[in-house]
Structures are given as C-alpha cells and as structure tokens.
Amino acid sequence: MKSRNSLIRLKRFQVDEKRRQVVQIEMMIAEFERMAAELDEQILAEQKRSGISDVAHFAYPTFAKAAMARRDNLMESANELRGQLDAAQAALSEAVEDMKKIELMEERDHMRERTAQDAAEQDELDEVASRMGARSA
C-alpha cells in the first residue's frame, strides 16, 4: 500500500508538471502573437508615416522591413510552439490516464479491505449472537 501511495503522489506530480508545461507553452504562444500584433501596428504606422506601403519600393522604410522580419520570426516560433503544445497535451493526457489507473487500483484495494473488514465484523457479531443464543437456551 505504501508503495502505491508513493506511486500515486509521483503520478500526481507528473500530471501537475505536464499541466505546467502546457500552460507555459500556451502563454508563450499568446505572448508571441501579442508581440507580432504590436509589430503589425508599428509596421502600419511606419507605412502611413512614410507614405510607402510597397515593400519592393526602393524607399520603403528600413524599420518596417526589420519589424516584418521580427514579426515573421515570432509567428514561425509560435507555429513551432504549437507543435510542442500538441505533444505536451498528448503527454498530459497520457499522464492523467496513468494516474487514473493507479487511483482506481487504490480505490479497488480500499473496497476489498472494507469488504473484508465488514465480513470480519459480521462474523464477530454472528459469533456473539450465537453465544447469547446458546446461553439463553
């Protein structure tokens, strides 16, 4: 039993760790997307300021080009993180299933113990009742 309790604690720790990883990746994706949106706003503002929106134009603002490159890198990183997120979510699901299996085994063991204890108590009561019946007869 003690080893199973340790195993349950370990599985719960693993599930918590996997949840933290999933949340962390989701937060990173959201942050990258937020930063990319800010860069989009800066690019549009720079294009309005310069009056040039054609990237191929020789006088297109250098800042806008650099911001586009940063935005594209952020979006690429966010897409890569989505792949990691899928893997982390799959690992979390697997860890939750493992934990549930162990918890169900533990619950079954407790039910068996309770049933055995109830049977022992009933046997004891039957014994007391048979003694009392023998005395009164």
Protein backbone atom coordinates (compact mmCIF):
# COMPACT_ATOMS: atom_id res chain seq x y z
CA MET A 1 0.00 0.00 0.00
CA LYS A 2 2.71 2.43 0.94
CA SER A 3 4.45 1.96 -2.40
CA ARG A 4 1.15 2.57 -4.18
CA ASN A 5 0.66 5.81 -2.23
CA SER A 6 4.11 6.89 -3.33
CA LEU A 7 3.26 5.95 -6.88
CA ILE A 8 0.05 7.99 -6.73
CA ARG A 9 1.96 11.01 -5.41
CA LEU A 10 4.52 10.58 -8.19
CA LYS A 11 1.80 10.35 -10.86
CA ARG A 12 0.07 13.45 -9.47
CA PHE A 13 3.37 15.31 -9.53
CA GLN A 14 3.93 14.24 -13.13
CA VAL A 15 0.44 15.37 -14.13
CA ASP A 16 0.96 18.72 -12.43
CA GLU A 17 4.31 19.15 -14.16
CA LYS A 18 2.79 18.34 -17.57
CA ARG A 19 -0.03 20.82 -16.89
CA ARG A 20 2.54 23.49 -16.07
CA GLN A 21 4.36 22.75 -19.32
CA VAL A 22 1.14 23.03 -21.34
CA VAL A 23 0.23 26.32 -19.67
CA GLN A 24 3.73 27.68 -20.16
CA ILE A 25 3.71 26.85 -23.87
CA GLU A 26 0.24 28.37 -24.27
CA MET A 27 1.44 31.54 -22.55
CA MET A 28 4.49 31.72 -24.81
CA ILE A 29 2.33 31.34 -27.92
CA ALA A 30 -0.01 34.07 -26.71
CA GLU A 31 2.93 36.36 -25.93
CA PHE A 32 4.49 35.80 -29.36
CA GLU A 33 1.16 36.51 -31.05
CA ARG A 34 0.72 39.68 -28.97
CA MET A 35 4.21 40.86 -29.89
CA ALA A 36 3.57 40.09 -33.57
CA ALA A 37 0.33 42.10 -33.46
CA GLU A 38 2.21 45.04 -31.92
CA LEU A 39 4.79 44.81 -34.69
CA ASP A 40 1.97 44.80 -37.29
CA GLU A 41 0.68 48.04 -35.77
CA GLN A 42 4.17 49.55 -35.84
CA ILE A 43 4.62 48.49 -39.48
CA LEU A 44 1.32 50.11 -40.48
CA ALA A 45 2.19 53.27 -38.57
CA GLU A 46 5.59 53.45 -40.29
CA GLN A 47 3.98 52.89 -43.70
CA LYS A 48 1.48 55.68 -43.04
CA ARG A 49 4.24 57.98 -41.81
CA SER A 50 6.39 57.38 -44.89
CA GLY A 51 3.50 57.13 -47.34
CA ILE A 52 5.03 53.96 -48.86
CA SER A 53 3.35 50.59 -48.41
CA ASP A 54 5.05 48.73 -51.29
CA VAL A 55 7.76 46.55 -49.75
CA ALA A 56 9.61 46.42 -53.08
CA HIS A 57 9.82 50.23 -53.31
CA PHE A 58 13.40 51.47 -53.02
CA ALA A 59 12.48 53.97 -50.29
CA TYR A 60 10.44 51.53 -48.18
CA PRO A 61 11.28 52.22 -44.51
CA THR A 62 14.09 50.08 -43.11
CA PHE A 63 12.36 49.96 -39.71
CA ALA A 64 9.25 48.45 -41.32
CA LYS A 65 11.35 45.81 -43.09
CA ALA A 66 13.11 44.90 -39.84
CA ALA A 67 9.79 44.81 -37.96
CA MET A 68 8.35 42.49 -40.63
CA ALA A 69 11.30 40.15 -40.25
CA ARG A 70 10.88 40.11 -36.45
CA ARG A 71 7.13 39.55 -36.80
CA ASP A 72 7.67 36.67 -39.22
CA ASN A 73 10.22 35.10 -36.84
CA LEU A 74 7.79 35.41 -33.94
CA MET A 75 4.98 33.80 -35.92
CA GLU A 76 7.30 31.00 -37.02
CA SER A 77 8.31 30.43 -33.40
CA ALA A 78 4.63 30.42 -32.37
CA ASN A 79 3.88 27.80 -35.02
CA GLU A 80 6.77 25.64 -33.80
CA LEU A 81 5.44 26.01 -30.26
CA ARG A 82 2.03 24.79 -31.43
CA GLY A 83 3.69 21.52 -32.42
CA GLN A 84 5.28 21.33 -28.99
CA LEU A 85 1.91 22.17 -27.44
CA ASP A 86 0.26 19.26 -29.23
CA ALA A 87 2.98 16.92 -27.94
CA ALA A 88 2.72 18.34 -24.41
CA GLN A 89 -1.08 17.96 -24.42
CA ALA A 90 -0.74 14.35 -25.57
CA ALA A 91 1.79 13.68 -22.80
CA LEU A 92 -0.57 15.31 -20.28
CA SER A 93 -3.46 13.13 -21.41
CA GLU A 94 -1.31 10.03 -21.09
CA ALA A 95 -0.13 11.04 -17.62
CA VAL A 96 -3.71 11.69 -16.50
CA GLU A 97 -4.78 8.26 -17.76
CA ASP A 98 -1.89 6.60 -15.92
CA MET A 99 -2.78 8.45 -12.73
CA LYS A 100 -6.44 7.46 -13.04
CA LYS A 101 -5.49 3.80 -13.46
CA ILE A 102 -3.37 3.86 -10.31
CA GLU A 103 -6.09 5.70 -8.37
CA LEU A 104 -8.69 3.15 -9.49
CA MET A 105 -6.44 0.31 -8.34
CA GLU A 106 -6.07 2.05 -4.99
CA GLU A 107 -9.83 2.52 -4.70
CA ARG A 108 -10.41 -1.16 -5.53
CA ASP A 109 -7.94 -2.17 -2.83
CA HIS A 110 -9.72 0.04 -0.30
CA MET A 111 -13.06 -1.51 -1.29
CA ARG A 112 -11.61 -5.01 -0.80
CA GLU A 113 -10.24 -4.02 2.60
CA ARG A 114 -13.59 -2.55 3.63
CA THR A 115 -15.44 -5.64 2.44
CA ALA A 116 -13.05 -7.91 4.34
CA GLN A 117 -13.33 -5.74 7.43
CA ASP A 118 -17.14 -5.72 7.19
CA ALA A 119 -17.15 -9.51 6.78
CA ALA A 120 -14.89 -9.90 9.83
CA GLU A 121 -17.14 -7.63 11.89
CA GLN A 122 -20.21 -9.58 10.76
CA ASP A 123 -18.53 -12.87 11.70
CA GLU A 124 -17.75 -11.41 15.10
CA LEU A 125 -21.36 -10.26 15.56
CA ASP A 126 -22.63 -13.68 14.45
CA GLU A 127 -20.33 -15.31 16.99
CA VAL A 128 -21.60 -13.03 19.78
CA ALA A 129 -25.21 -13.69 18.73
CA SER A 130 -24.67 -17.46 18.70
CA ARG A 131 -23.11 -17.34 22.19
CA MET A 132 -26.00 -15.29 23.50
CA GLY A 133 -28.45 -17.70 21.90
CA ALA A 134 -26.63 -20.68 23.45
CA ARG A 135 -26.73 -19.06 26.93
CA SER A 136 -30.41 -18.34 26.82
CA ALA A 137 -31.29 -21.86 25.72
